[in-house]
Amino acid sequence: MPAKISVHSGQSIDRISENIYGHFAEHLGRCIYGGIWVGDDDDRVPTEEGIRMDTVELLQDLDMPVLRWPGGCFADDYHWEDGVGPREERPTRRNLWWAQGREERYVETNEFGTDEFLELCRLVNTDPYLAVNVGSATPEEALDWIEYCNSDGDTDLTKRRAENGHEEPYDVTYWGIGNENWGCGGRFAPDEYADQYRRFANYLNGFDDHINPGSTEFIACGHITEEWNEAFFERLDGGMEFGPGTFLGMGSPYKLLDHFSVHRYYQAGDDADFSDEQHYRLFARAEKIADDIDSAAETISAYVPRGDVGIIVDEWGTWHPQATPDNGLEQENTVRDALAAAGVFDIMHERADVVSMANIAQTVNVLQCLVQTDEDSAWTTPTYQVFDLYQNHSGNTAVEANVNADKKYFDEEDHDVPLVSASASVGDDELFVTASNRTIEQTETVEVEVDGAFGNPSGTALFREKGPRAYSTADNAAEFEAEDISVSEAGEGSYAVDIPASSVVGVTFTK
C-alpha cells in the first residue's frame, strides 16, 4: 500500500517546546572526562577553561536548548561542594554507581564541577538543568546549591561564588529533585519518595518564593509504571492533610512541582550486528515512550489541571548490550538508532500539549550520543543529524499529521510498527513536515497531502544509500549530513516524495 501523510495545518495540538530537543551529560565513561573536559594542560585539542572546543563547536551548531547534569545515578552520590573552588584543593571521592569503564571502583577527581558545567553551558549557549542529590544528601545541601548558583544577596555562598570567578548569579531555572529514586536514588517506595520530595521542595520553594521569586522550576522523578506514579501523586496530594495547606502554597501537588519525569531506554539485538526482525523491533520498543507519556499525563490530570505540570522524558534512547560499565557505556550509533530517534520526536510532537522537555542519553561518547571523540578529534553521529533536522520544528505549533502506511506486526509484548513515521508543524508562514522510512531496502513513494495555502515544497534527506547498520567515524561523518531531494506535485494540495530505505526527510512548504 502506498504511504500517505495527511497534514491538517488548521488542527493545532500545541506549541512544540524547544526543550524537547534537550540533552543529558553524566560523569560516566568518557562523557565528561575526555569528551567534554580535558583540563588546562591538554594540548591535543583547543580548550577554553579546560573544556575541549571541538566538542563545544559541534554542540553550538546544534542550538542545544537545555543540558541536564550531573546525572543520572551519579547525582545521588554527588555532593556539589566537592566540585567548587581551586581544583588543586578539591577532594577526590568514590562514586557508588559508575566505574567509568575501569575494573576498579572509580575515584571522582571533581575537576569538573558546578562552575565548569555552567561555563560549558555558557559556551554552548544552553540552559542548565541541575539534578539535586536526594538519595544521600539533605535539603540544606540542595538549598545551599541553589543559593550558590542563583542568589544575588550578600551571603557567604554568594561571596564564595564571586571568589571562584563568578560574581553574577547563574540564574539556573531547572532543578530536578532526585533521580530514579525508585532505584539508585534511594530505592524509595512511591509514598516514601513523595515525602522526601515534599521535604526538599519545601525548602527550594522557599528560596523561589522569598529570595528570587519566579526564578526556578522543579522536577519530580516518576516511573514507567502507572501504579507507582499514582501512589506518588496520591501521597503528595494528601501529605498536608494534617497541616496548614496554604503554607508556601503546599496544599496541592502542582504547587510543589512544575514537571514530572519519566525514563525509557530500549534495545533489540546488538548495536550494529542485528537481524532484520530486530531492526523493526527496536522501533516497536521505542514506541513505548508514547505509553509512558500518555499514562503519566492521565495520572497527573487526576490531581491538577491539564498542562499545569509538564512531562519530561528525562532519559531516553537506545541502550544496546555492547554498552556496559566495563567500557563506559559506549556503543556504535547507527542509522537505525537515528531512525528510532526520529520516531520518538514524532511521538512527542503529537503530544506537544503535555511534553515540556526531553533529554537524550547521552551527549558525548556514551549510549545514544550525538558527538563522539577520540584523543584529537570530534565528530557527529547519525542521531546528531536527526536532531539538527528536527529542530526546525522547535517553537512551531504541532499540527495533526495522519499517516496511512503498511505496518510490521509483532506480538502483544511490542507495538505494531508503521513503516513510515511522520509529524508536522506550522510557524512563520511555513509548514514543516518530517518523515522517516523504516524499511530496510524499499524506497517509499509517499504522498503528502497539505490543506490550506501551503505550497512551493523544498526537501532534504538524511542517510540515503547508507543502510540501517551504518555508523559514523571521524573519517566519514560528513557523509551522513543532509542532502537536497526533489518533491513533485501530485495534484491540488498533494505532493510526492521518494523516501529511500532507512532514511529521514524534511519538507518545507511556504505560503
Protein backbone atom coordinates (compact mmCIF):
# COMPACT_ATOMS: atom_id res chain seq x y z
CA MET A 1 0.00 0.00 0.00
CA PRO A 2 1.43 3.43 -0.94
CA ALA A 3 2.05 5.54 2.13
CA LYS A 4 0.17 8.77 2.64
CA ILE A 5 0.65 11.61 5.12
CA SER A 6 -2.40 13.87 5.55
CA VAL A 7 -1.42 17.16 7.18
CA HIS A 8 -4.16 19.28 8.73
CA SER A 9 -2.49 22.63 9.26
CA GLY A 10 -5.55 24.13 10.94
CA GLN A 11 -5.79 21.41 13.60
CA SER A 12 -3.30 22.64 16.17
CA ILE A 13 -2.02 20.47 19.02
CA ASP A 14 0.18 22.93 20.93
CA ARG A 15 3.48 24.74 20.72
CA ILE A 16 6.48 22.40 20.45
CA SER A 17 8.80 23.27 23.31
CA GLU A 18 12.41 23.93 22.34
CA ASN A 19 13.34 21.82 25.36
CA ILE A 20 12.06 18.65 23.68
CA TYR A 21 15.46 18.63 21.93
CA GLY A 22 17.38 18.63 25.23
CA HIS A 23 20.42 16.64 26.30
CA PHE A 24 21.92 14.82 29.27
CA ALA A 25 25.55 14.54 30.40
CA GLU A 26 26.74 12.42 33.31
CA HIS A 27 30.06 11.57 34.94
CA LEU A 28 30.39 8.14 33.42
CA GLY A 29 32.67 6.69 30.79
CA ARG A 30 34.11 9.35 28.50
CA CYS A 31 31.13 11.67 28.52
CA ILE A 32 32.60 14.37 30.79
CA TYR A 33 36.26 13.37 31.17
CA GLY A 34 37.70 13.05 27.69
CA GLY A 35 34.58 14.03 25.77
CA ILE A 36 33.90 17.47 27.28
CA TRP A 37 36.67 18.15 29.80
CA VAL A 38 40.37 17.54 29.22
CA GLY A 39 41.83 20.11 31.62
CA ASP A 40 44.09 23.08 31.20
CA ASP A 41 47.26 21.13 30.41
CA ASP A 42 45.99 19.02 27.48
CA ASP A 43 47.47 20.28 24.19
CA ARG A 44 45.89 17.67 21.88
CA VAL A 45 42.84 19.86 21.15
CA PRO A 46 42.00 23.55 21.60
CA THR A 47 40.47 24.22 25.02
CA GLU A 48 38.85 27.03 26.97
CA GLU A 49 38.94 26.75 30.75
CA GLY A 50 39.77 23.05 30.28
CA ILE A 51 36.74 22.38 28.05
CA ARG A 52 37.51 20.91 24.63
CA MET A 53 36.32 23.34 21.98
CA ASP A 54 35.87 20.86 19.12
CA THR A 55 33.03 19.30 21.11
CA VAL A 56 31.67 22.73 22.01
CA GLU A 57 31.63 23.88 18.39
CA LEU A 58 29.62 20.86 17.29
CA LEU A 59 27.12 21.42 20.10
CA GLN A 60 26.92 25.14 19.29
CA ASP A 61 25.90 24.31 15.73
CA LEU A 62 23.07 22.17 17.12
CA ASP A 63 21.41 25.04 19.07
CA MET A 64 21.06 22.92 22.21
CA PRO A 65 18.18 24.21 24.35
CA VAL A 66 18.96 22.56 27.71
CA LEU A 67 21.59 20.27 29.27
CA ARG A 68 20.98 18.08 32.34
CA TRP A 69 23.86 17.36 34.76
CA PRO A 70 25.49 15.70 36.80
CA GLY A 71 23.25 12.65 36.49
CA GLY A 72 21.69 10.19 36.42
CA CYS A 73 22.60 7.79 39.16
CA PHE A 74 25.85 9.68 39.64
CA ALA A 75 23.86 12.62 41.02
CA ASP A 76 22.56 10.73 44.04
CA ASP A 77 26.05 10.10 45.36
CA TYR A 78 27.35 13.53 44.38
CA HIS A 79 27.97 16.45 46.74
CA TRP A 80 28.23 19.70 44.85
CA GLU A 81 30.62 21.45 47.25
CA ASP A 82 33.29 18.88 46.37
CA GLY A 83 33.40 20.40 42.89
CA VAL A 84 33.84 24.14 43.55
CA GLY A 85 36.86 26.24 44.48
CA PRO A 86 40.50 25.78 43.45
CA ARG A 87 40.80 22.48 41.60
CA GLU A 88 44.01 21.52 43.35
CA GLU A 89 42.15 21.70 46.66
CA ARG A 90 39.10 19.67 45.65
CA PRO A 91 38.72 16.27 47.29
CA THR A 92 38.75 13.02 45.37
CA ARG A 93 35.76 10.80 46.06
CA ARG A 94 34.45 7.42 45.05
CA ASN A 95 31.05 7.25 43.45
CA LEU A 96 28.87 4.28 44.25
CA TRP A 97 27.33 3.94 40.82
CA TRP A 98 29.77 4.43 37.98
CA ALA A 99 33.14 2.81 37.44
CA GLN A 100 33.95 4.93 34.40
CA GLY A 101 34.99 1.97 32.29
CA ARG A 102 37.54 0.72 34.81
CA GLU A 103 37.68 -2.57 36.63
CA GLU A 104 38.38 -0.89 39.96
CA ARG A 105 35.92 1.46 41.61
CA TYR A 106 36.33 4.87 40.05
CA VAL A 107 37.61 7.85 42.01
CA GLU A 108 35.97 11.14 41.00
CA THR A 109 38.54 13.95 40.84
CA ASN A 110 35.92 16.72 40.93
CA GLU A 111 37.94 18.69 38.37
CA PHE A 112 34.69 19.27 36.53
CA GLY A 113 32.14 20.76 38.91
CA THR A 114 29.38 23.35 39.07
CA ASP A 115 31.31 26.33 37.72
CA GLU A 116 32.86 24.27 34.92
CA PHE A 117 29.47 22.90 33.93
CA LEU A 118 27.89 26.33 33.89
CA GLU A 119 30.81 27.63 31.84
CA LEU A 120 30.14 24.81 29.36
CA CYS A 121 26.50 25.91 29.19
CA ARG A 122 27.64 29.48 28.51
CA LEU A 123 29.95 28.36 25.72
CA VAL A 124 27.29 26.19 24.12
CA ASN A 125 24.54 28.79 24.81
CA THR A 126 22.24 26.31 26.51
CA ASP A 127 20.10 26.40 29.65
CA PRO A 128 21.49 24.35 32.55
CA TYR A 129 19.42 21.77 34.41
CA LEU A 130 20.84 20.57 37.72
CA ALA A 131 19.87 17.27 39.37
CA VAL A 132 19.78 17.51 43.17
CA ASN A 133 21.09 14.69 45.34
CA VAL A 134 18.14 13.24 47.29
CA GLY A 135 19.46 9.73 47.85
CA SER A 136 22.45 10.64 50.06
CA ALA A 137 22.17 14.38 50.82
CA THR A 138 19.90 16.81 52.66
CA PRO A 139 17.53 19.67 51.83
CA GLU A 140 20.09 22.01 53.37
CA GLU A 141 22.73 20.90 50.85
CA ALA A 142 20.27 21.40 47.98
CA LEU A 143 19.26 24.84 49.27
CA ASP A 144 22.91 25.87 49.53
CA TRP A 145 23.44 24.79 45.91
CA ILE A 146 20.56 26.87 44.62
CA GLU A 147 21.77 29.83 46.68
CA TYR A 148 25.32 29.45 45.33
CA CYS A 149 24.00 29.40 41.75
CA ASN A 150 21.17 31.93 41.85
CA SER A 151 21.35 34.30 44.78
CA ASP A 152 22.43 37.92 44.39
CA GLY A 153 22.43 38.56 48.14
CA ASP A 154 25.35 39.34 50.40
CA THR A 155 25.88 35.86 51.85
CA ASP A 156 28.82 33.58 52.42
CA LEU A 157 27.77 31.39 49.49
CA THR A 158 27.49 34.27 47.04
CA LYS A 159 30.88 35.51 48.24
CA ARG A 160 32.31 32.04 47.55
CA ARG A 161 30.86 32.12 44.05
CA ALA A 162 32.47 35.52 43.47
CA GLU A 163 35.80 34.26 44.81
CA ASN A 164 35.52 31.40 42.33
CA GLY A 165 35.28 33.92 39.49
CA HIS A 166 31.52 34.34 39.07
CA GLU A 167 30.19 37.46 40.76
CA GLU A 168 26.84 37.48 38.94
CA PRO A 169 24.21 34.78 39.60
CA TYR A 170 23.93 31.96 37.11
CA ASP A 171 20.10 32.03 37.16
CA VAL A 172 19.66 28.26 36.82
CA THR A 173 15.98 27.63 36.11
CA TYR A 174 15.60 23.84 36.08
CA TRP A 175 16.14 21.77 39.25
CA GLY A 176 15.49 18.05 39.37
CA ILE A 177 14.75 16.81 42.88
CA GLY A 178 16.37 13.40 42.73
CA ASN A 179 16.93 10.82 40.01
CA GLU A 180 15.38 7.38 39.62
CA ASN A 181 14.50 7.47 43.28
CA TRP A 182 12.73 4.14 42.92
CA GLY A 183 16.21 2.68 42.14
CA CYS A 184 19.72 4.08 42.54
CA GLY A 185 18.39 7.33 44.02
CA GLY A 186 17.38 5.77 47.33
CA ARG A 187 15.19 2.77 46.42
CA PHE A 188 12.19 4.62 47.80
CA ALA A 189 8.67 3.34 47.62
CA PRO A 190 6.47 5.96 45.89
CA ASP A 191 5.00 7.24 49.15
CA GLU A 192 8.50 7.49 50.67
CA TYR A 193 9.77 9.49 47.70
CA ALA A 194 6.69 11.74 47.88
CA ASP A 195 7.59 12.56 51.47
CA GLN A 196 11.22 13.21 50.53
CA TYR A 197 10.21 15.27 47.51
CA ARG A 198 7.86 17.41 49.61
CA ARG A 199 10.63 17.91 52.18
CA PHE A 200 13.17 19.08 49.59
CA ALA A 201 10.67 21.11 47.56
CA ASN A 202 9.53 22.93 50.69
CA TYR A 203 12.97 24.47 51.15
CA LEU A 204 13.72 25.05 47.48
CA ASN A 205 10.30 26.64 47.02
CA GLY A 206 11.13 28.87 49.95
CA PHE A 207 14.11 30.23 48.01
CA ASP A 208 11.93 30.78 44.98
CA ASP A 209 9.14 32.48 46.91
CA HIS A 210 11.15 34.68 49.24
CA ILE A 211 14.62 35.26 47.77
CA ASN A 212 14.38 35.08 43.99
CA PRO A 213 10.69 34.83 43.03
CA GLY A 214 9.81 33.01 39.83
CA SER A 215 13.39 32.00 39.11
CA THR A 216 13.11 28.24 39.30
CA GLU A 217 11.15 25.24 38.08
CA PHE A 218 11.15 21.94 39.96
CA ILE A 219 11.08 18.42 38.53
CA ALA A 220 9.91 15.26 40.29
CA CYS A 221 11.13 11.82 39.29
CA GLY A 222 8.47 9.42 38.03
CA HIS A 223 8.40 5.80 36.99
CA ILE A 224 7.32 3.91 33.88
CA THR A 225 4.56 2.13 35.82
CA GLU A 226 1.19 3.76 36.31
CA GLU A 227 0.79 2.30 39.80
CA TRP A 228 3.99 3.89 41.13
CA ASN A 229 3.11 7.31 39.71
CA GLU A 230 -0.44 7.17 41.07
CA ALA A 231 0.84 6.29 44.54
CA PHE A 232 3.33 9.19 44.40
CA PHE A 233 0.72 11.79 43.50
CA GLU A 234 -1.80 10.44 45.98
CA ARG A 235 0.73 10.75 48.78
CA LEU A 236 1.91 14.15 47.59
CA ASP A 237 -1.65 15.42 47.40
CA GLY A 238 -2.56 14.13 50.85
CA GLY A 239 0.66 14.99 52.64
CA MET A 240 -0.65 18.25 54.07
CA GLU A 241 -3.88 16.73 55.38
CA PHE A 242 -2.97 17.47 58.99
CA GLY A 243 -1.08 20.68 58.42
CA PRO A 244 -1.57 24.21 57.10
CA GLY A 245 -2.35 23.53 53.48
CA THR A 246 -1.66 27.09 52.40
CA PHE A 247 1.85 27.28 53.84
CA LEU A 248 4.20 28.14 50.95
CA GLY A 249 1.41 27.09 48.64
CA MET A 250 1.95 23.43 49.52
CA GLY A 251 -1.63 22.32 49.70
CA SER A 252 -1.76 20.68 46.26
CA PRO A 253 0.89 18.87 44.26
CA TYR A 254 1.17 21.32 41.40
CA LYS A 255 2.34 23.97 43.85
CA LEU A 256 5.24 21.65 44.64
CA LEU A 257 6.37 20.83 41.12
CA ASP A 258 6.42 22.14 37.57
CA HIS A 259 7.41 18.97 35.70
CA PHE A 260 7.23 15.22 36.17
CA SER A 261 9.85 13.00 34.55
CA VAL A 262 9.87 9.51 33.07
CA HIS A 263 12.79 7.48 31.65
CA ARG A 264 12.78 4.98 28.81
CA TYR A 265 15.66 3.01 27.27
CA TYR A 266 15.20 0.34 24.61
CA GLN A 267 17.16 -2.24 22.65
CA ALA A 268 16.67 -5.10 20.18
CA GLY A 269 19.75 -7.06 19.23
CA ASP A 270 23.30 -5.72 19.04
CA ASP A 271 24.28 -2.16 18.29
CA ALA A 272 25.36 -2.74 14.67
CA ASP A 273 25.07 -6.51 14.13
CA PHE A 274 21.31 -7.04 14.32
CA SER A 275 18.82 -9.10 12.35
CA ASP A 276 16.14 -7.66 10.11
CA GLU A 277 13.50 -8.61 12.67
CA GLN A 278 15.46 -6.82 15.41
CA HIS A 279 15.72 -3.78 13.16
CA TYR A 280 11.95 -3.35 13.26
CA ARG A 281 11.51 -4.44 16.87
CA LEU A 282 13.68 -1.56 18.05
CA PHE A 283 11.07 0.89 16.73
CA ALA A 284 8.34 -1.10 18.45
CA ARG A 285 10.11 -0.73 21.77
CA ALA A 286 10.86 2.95 21.22
CA GLU A 287 7.13 3.49 20.65
CA LYS A 288 6.53 2.58 24.31
CA ILE A 289 7.55 6.15 25.09
CA ALA A 290 4.07 7.06 23.85
CA ASP A 291 2.56 4.80 26.52
CA ASP A 292 4.80 6.35 29.19
CA ILE A 293 3.73 9.88 28.28
CA ASP A 294 0.03 9.02 27.99
CA SER A 295 0.00 7.15 31.28
CA ALA A 296 1.80 9.94 33.15
CA ALA A 297 -0.49 12.57 31.62
CA GLU A 298 -3.57 10.66 32.73
CA THR A 299 -2.22 10.30 36.26
CA ILE A 300 -1.29 13.98 36.54
CA SER A 301 -4.68 15.11 35.20
CA ALA A 302 -6.42 13.42 38.13
CA TYR A 303 -4.74 15.90 40.50
CA VAL A 304 -4.02 19.11 38.59
CA PRO A 305 -5.42 20.90 35.53
CA ARG A 306 -4.06 19.58 32.26
CA GLY A 307 -0.93 21.43 31.27
CA ASP A 308 -0.09 22.76 34.75
CA VAL A 309 2.59 20.08 35.18
CA GLY A 310 4.66 19.23 32.13
CA ILE A 311 6.06 15.79 31.36
CA ILE A 312 9.80 15.42 30.82
CA VAL A 313 11.21 12.36 29.09
CA ASP A 314 14.31 12.85 31.16
CA GLU A 315 16.42 9.99 29.84
CA TRP A 316 15.68 8.24 26.58
CA GLY A 317 17.41 6.43 23.77
CA THR A 318 18.98 3.12 22.78
CA TRP A 319 20.97 1.10 25.29
CA HIS A 320 22.48 -1.81 23.43
CA PRO A 321 24.12 -4.87 25.04
CA GLN A 322 27.56 -3.59 23.95
CA ALA A 323 27.22 -0.62 26.31
CA THR A 324 28.37 -1.93 29.69
CA PRO A 325 30.03 -0.39 32.78
CA ASP A 326 33.29 -2.08 31.70
CA ASN A 327 33.51 0.05 28.55
CA GLY A 328 31.95 3.20 29.98
CA LEU A 329 28.59 2.52 28.28
CA GLU A 330 29.90 3.05 24.75
CA GLN A 331 28.23 1.59 21.68
CA GLU A 332 28.12 2.14 17.96
CA ASN A 333 25.44 4.66 16.98
CA THR A 334 23.85 3.58 13.74
CA VAL A 335 21.31 4.86 11.26
CA ARG A 336 18.80 2.52 12.93
CA ASP A 337 19.27 4.41 16.20
CA ALA A 338 18.74 7.71 14.39
CA LEU A 339 15.54 6.42 12.76
CA ALA A 340 14.28 5.42 16.21
CA ALA A 341 15.03 8.94 17.49
CA ALA A 342 13.05 10.44 14.61
CA GLY A 343 10.08 8.29 15.58
CA VAL A 344 10.35 9.40 19.22
CA PHE A 345 10.26 13.04 18.15
CA ASP A 346 7.14 12.32 16.12
CA ILE A 347 5.57 10.86 19.27
CA MET A 348 6.49 13.92 21.34
CA HIS A 349 5.27 16.37 18.69
CA GLU A 350 1.93 14.60 18.71
CA ARG A 351 1.86 15.18 22.49
CA ALA A 352 3.19 18.73 22.48
CA ASP A 353 0.36 19.72 24.80
CA VAL A 354 1.86 17.70 27.67
CA VAL A 355 5.58 17.16 26.88
CA SER A 356 7.65 20.07 28.23
CA MET A 357 11.18 18.68 27.85
CA ALA A 358 13.16 15.61 26.79
CA ASN A 359 16.85 14.80 27.32
CA ILE A 360 18.53 12.11 25.25
CA ALA A 361 21.16 9.95 26.95
CA GLN A 362 23.89 11.00 26.48
CA THR A 363 25.50 13.97 24.82
CA VAL A 364 29.06 12.73 24.18
CA ASN A 365 30.55 9.23 23.74
CA VAL A 366 28.02 7.41 25.97
CA LEU A 367 24.92 5.43 24.88
CA GLN A 368 22.97 7.17 22.07
CA CYS A 369 25.32 10.12 21.92
CA LEU A 370 25.32 12.95 19.44
CA VAL A 371 29.07 13.58 19.44
CA GLN A 372 31.96 11.14 19.64
CA THR A 373 35.58 11.94 20.32
CA ASP A 374 39.00 10.37 20.28
CA GLU A 375 42.13 11.98 21.60
CA ASP A 376 42.40 14.72 18.99
CA SER A 377 39.14 14.84 17.02
CA ALA A 378 35.38 15.04 17.47
CA TRP A 379 32.59 14.12 15.05
CA THR A 380 28.82 13.82 14.83
CA THR A 381 26.67 10.69 14.87
CA PRO A 382 23.60 9.97 12.72
CA THR A 383 21.43 10.88 15.73
CA TYR A 384 23.03 14.34 15.72
CA GLN A 385 21.81 14.79 12.15
CA VAL A 386 18.25 13.87 13.14
CA PHE A 387 18.35 16.44 15.95
CA ASP A 388 19.67 19.03 13.52
CA LEU A 389 16.86 18.34 11.04
CA TYR A 390 14.03 18.02 13.54
CA GLN A 391 14.88 21.18 15.42
CA ASN A 392 13.28 23.04 12.52
CA HIS A 393 10.08 22.14 14.40
CA SER A 394 11.31 23.90 17.55
CA GLY A 395 8.93 26.61 18.76
CA ASN A 396 6.44 25.85 15.99
CA THR A 397 2.87 24.73 16.56
CA ALA A 398 2.44 21.00 16.14
CA VAL A 399 -0.46 20.10 13.85
CA GLU A 400 -2.27 16.87 13.06
CA ALA A 401 -0.40 14.62 10.64
CA ASN A 402 -2.19 11.33 9.95
CA VAL A 403 -0.05 8.55 8.50
CA ASN A 404 -1.52 5.72 6.46
CA ALA A 405 1.20 3.14 5.79
CA ASP A 406 1.94 -0.56 5.94
CA LYS A 407 2.95 -1.98 9.33
CA LYS A 408 5.30 -4.56 10.75
CA TYR A 409 3.31 -6.67 13.19
CA PHE A 410 4.60 -8.02 16.50
CA ASP A 411 3.24 -9.98 19.40
CA GLU A 412 1.45 -8.40 22.36
CA GLU A 413 4.81 -7.57 24.03
CA ASP A 414 5.65 -4.87 21.48
CA HIS A 415 3.80 -2.29 19.42
CA ASP A 416 2.99 -2.78 15.76
CA VAL A 417 5.31 -0.53 13.75
CA PRO A 418 4.17 1.74 10.91
CA LEU A 419 6.84 1.59 8.23
CA VAL A 420 6.55 5.36 7.80
CA SER A 421 6.57 7.77 10.74
CA ALA A 422 5.88 11.50 10.43
CA SER A 423 4.97 14.75 12.16
CA ALA A 424 4.25 18.33 11.10
CA SER A 425 4.33 21.85 12.49
CA VAL A 426 3.46 25.40 11.44
CA GLY A 427 5.44 28.56 12.12
CA ASP A 428 6.34 31.87 10.40
CA ASP A 429 4.24 31.21 7.30
CA GLU A 430 5.87 27.81 6.81
CA LEU A 431 4.72 24.23 7.19
CA PHE A 432 7.44 21.76 8.08
CA VAL A 433 6.91 18.01 7.63
CA THR A 434 9.36 15.31 8.69
CA ALA A 435 9.04 11.66 7.74
CA SER A 436 11.15 8.53 8.10
CA ASN A 437 11.12 5.34 6.04
CA ARG A 438 11.88 2.44 8.39
CA THR A 439 12.10 -0.25 5.72
CA ILE A 440 15.48 -1.87 5.19
CA GLU A 441 15.59 -1.99 1.39
CA GLN A 442 12.46 -0.43 -0.10
CA THR A 443 12.10 3.17 -1.27
CA GLU A 444 8.70 4.54 -0.25
CA THR A 445 6.95 6.98 -2.57
CA VAL A 446 4.96 8.95 -0.02
CA GLU A 447 2.07 11.23 -0.84
CA VAL A 448 1.96 14.33 1.37
CA GLU A 449 -1.46 15.93 1.38
CA VAL A 450 -1.46 19.52 2.60
CA ASP A 451 -4.52 21.64 3.28
CA GLY A 452 -4.60 25.40 3.42
CA ALA A 453 -2.46 27.78 1.41
CA PHE A 454 0.89 25.98 1.65
CA GLY A 455 2.92 25.01 -1.41
CA ASN A 456 6.36 25.53 -3.02
CA PRO A 457 7.98 22.50 -1.34
CA SER A 458 11.69 22.02 -0.81
CA GLY A 459 13.18 18.93 0.75
CA THR A 460 16.27 17.44 2.34
CA ALA A 461 17.13 13.83 3.16
CA LEU A 462 19.36 12.02 5.62
CA PHE A 463 21.13 8.69 5.16
CA ARG A 464 20.34 7.93 1.51
CA GLU A 465 22.09 4.70 0.48
CA LYS A 466 23.60 4.24 3.95
CA GLY A 467 21.58 1.34 5.30
CA PRO A 468 20.45 0.88 8.90
CA ARG A 469 23.72 -0.65 10.16
CA ALA A 470 25.95 2.23 9.06
CA TYR A 471 27.59 4.44 11.67
CA SER A 472 29.85 7.47 11.54
CA THR A 473 33.55 7.73 12.26
CA ALA A 474 36.00 10.62 12.33
CA ASP A 475 36.69 9.94 8.64
CA ASN A 476 33.17 9.55 7.23
CA ALA A 477 30.90 11.70 9.45
CA ALA A 478 30.29 14.25 6.66
CA GLU A 479 28.65 11.52 4.56
CA PHE A 480 25.71 11.44 6.99
CA GLU A 481 24.78 15.10 6.55
CA ALA A 482 21.59 16.22 4.81
CA GLU A 483 21.24 16.30 1.02
CA ASP A 484 18.69 18.07 -1.13
CA ILE A 485 15.87 15.96 -2.59
CA SER A 486 13.11 16.71 -5.06
CA VAL A 487 9.43 16.96 -4.15
CA SER A 488 6.94 16.79 -7.03
CA GLU A 489 3.37 17.99 -7.32
CA ALA A 490 0.90 15.09 -7.46
CA GLY A 491 -2.36 17.05 -7.61
CA GLU A 492 -4.03 20.00 -5.97
CA GLY A 493 -2.66 20.21 -2.44
CA SER A 494 -0.87 16.89 -2.93
CA TYR A 495 2.85 16.22 -3.32
CA ALA A 496 5.01 13.14 -3.79
CA VAL A 497 8.42 12.48 -2.29
CA ASP A 498 10.57 9.39 -2.69
CA ILE A 499 11.97 8.43 0.71
CA PRO A 500 14.84 5.95 0.35
CA ALA A 501 15.04 2.93 2.63
CA SER A 502 16.26 3.70 6.16
CA SER A 503 16.26 7.45 5.65
CA VAL A 504 14.63 10.59 7.02
CA VAL A 505 13.33 13.57 5.05
CA GLY A 506 12.25 17.07 5.89
CA VAL A 507 9.96 19.05 3.58
CA THR A 508 9.26 22.76 3.95
CA PHE A 509 6.12 24.30 2.44
CA THR A 510 5.58 28.06 2.25
CA LYS A 511 2.55 30.30 1.78
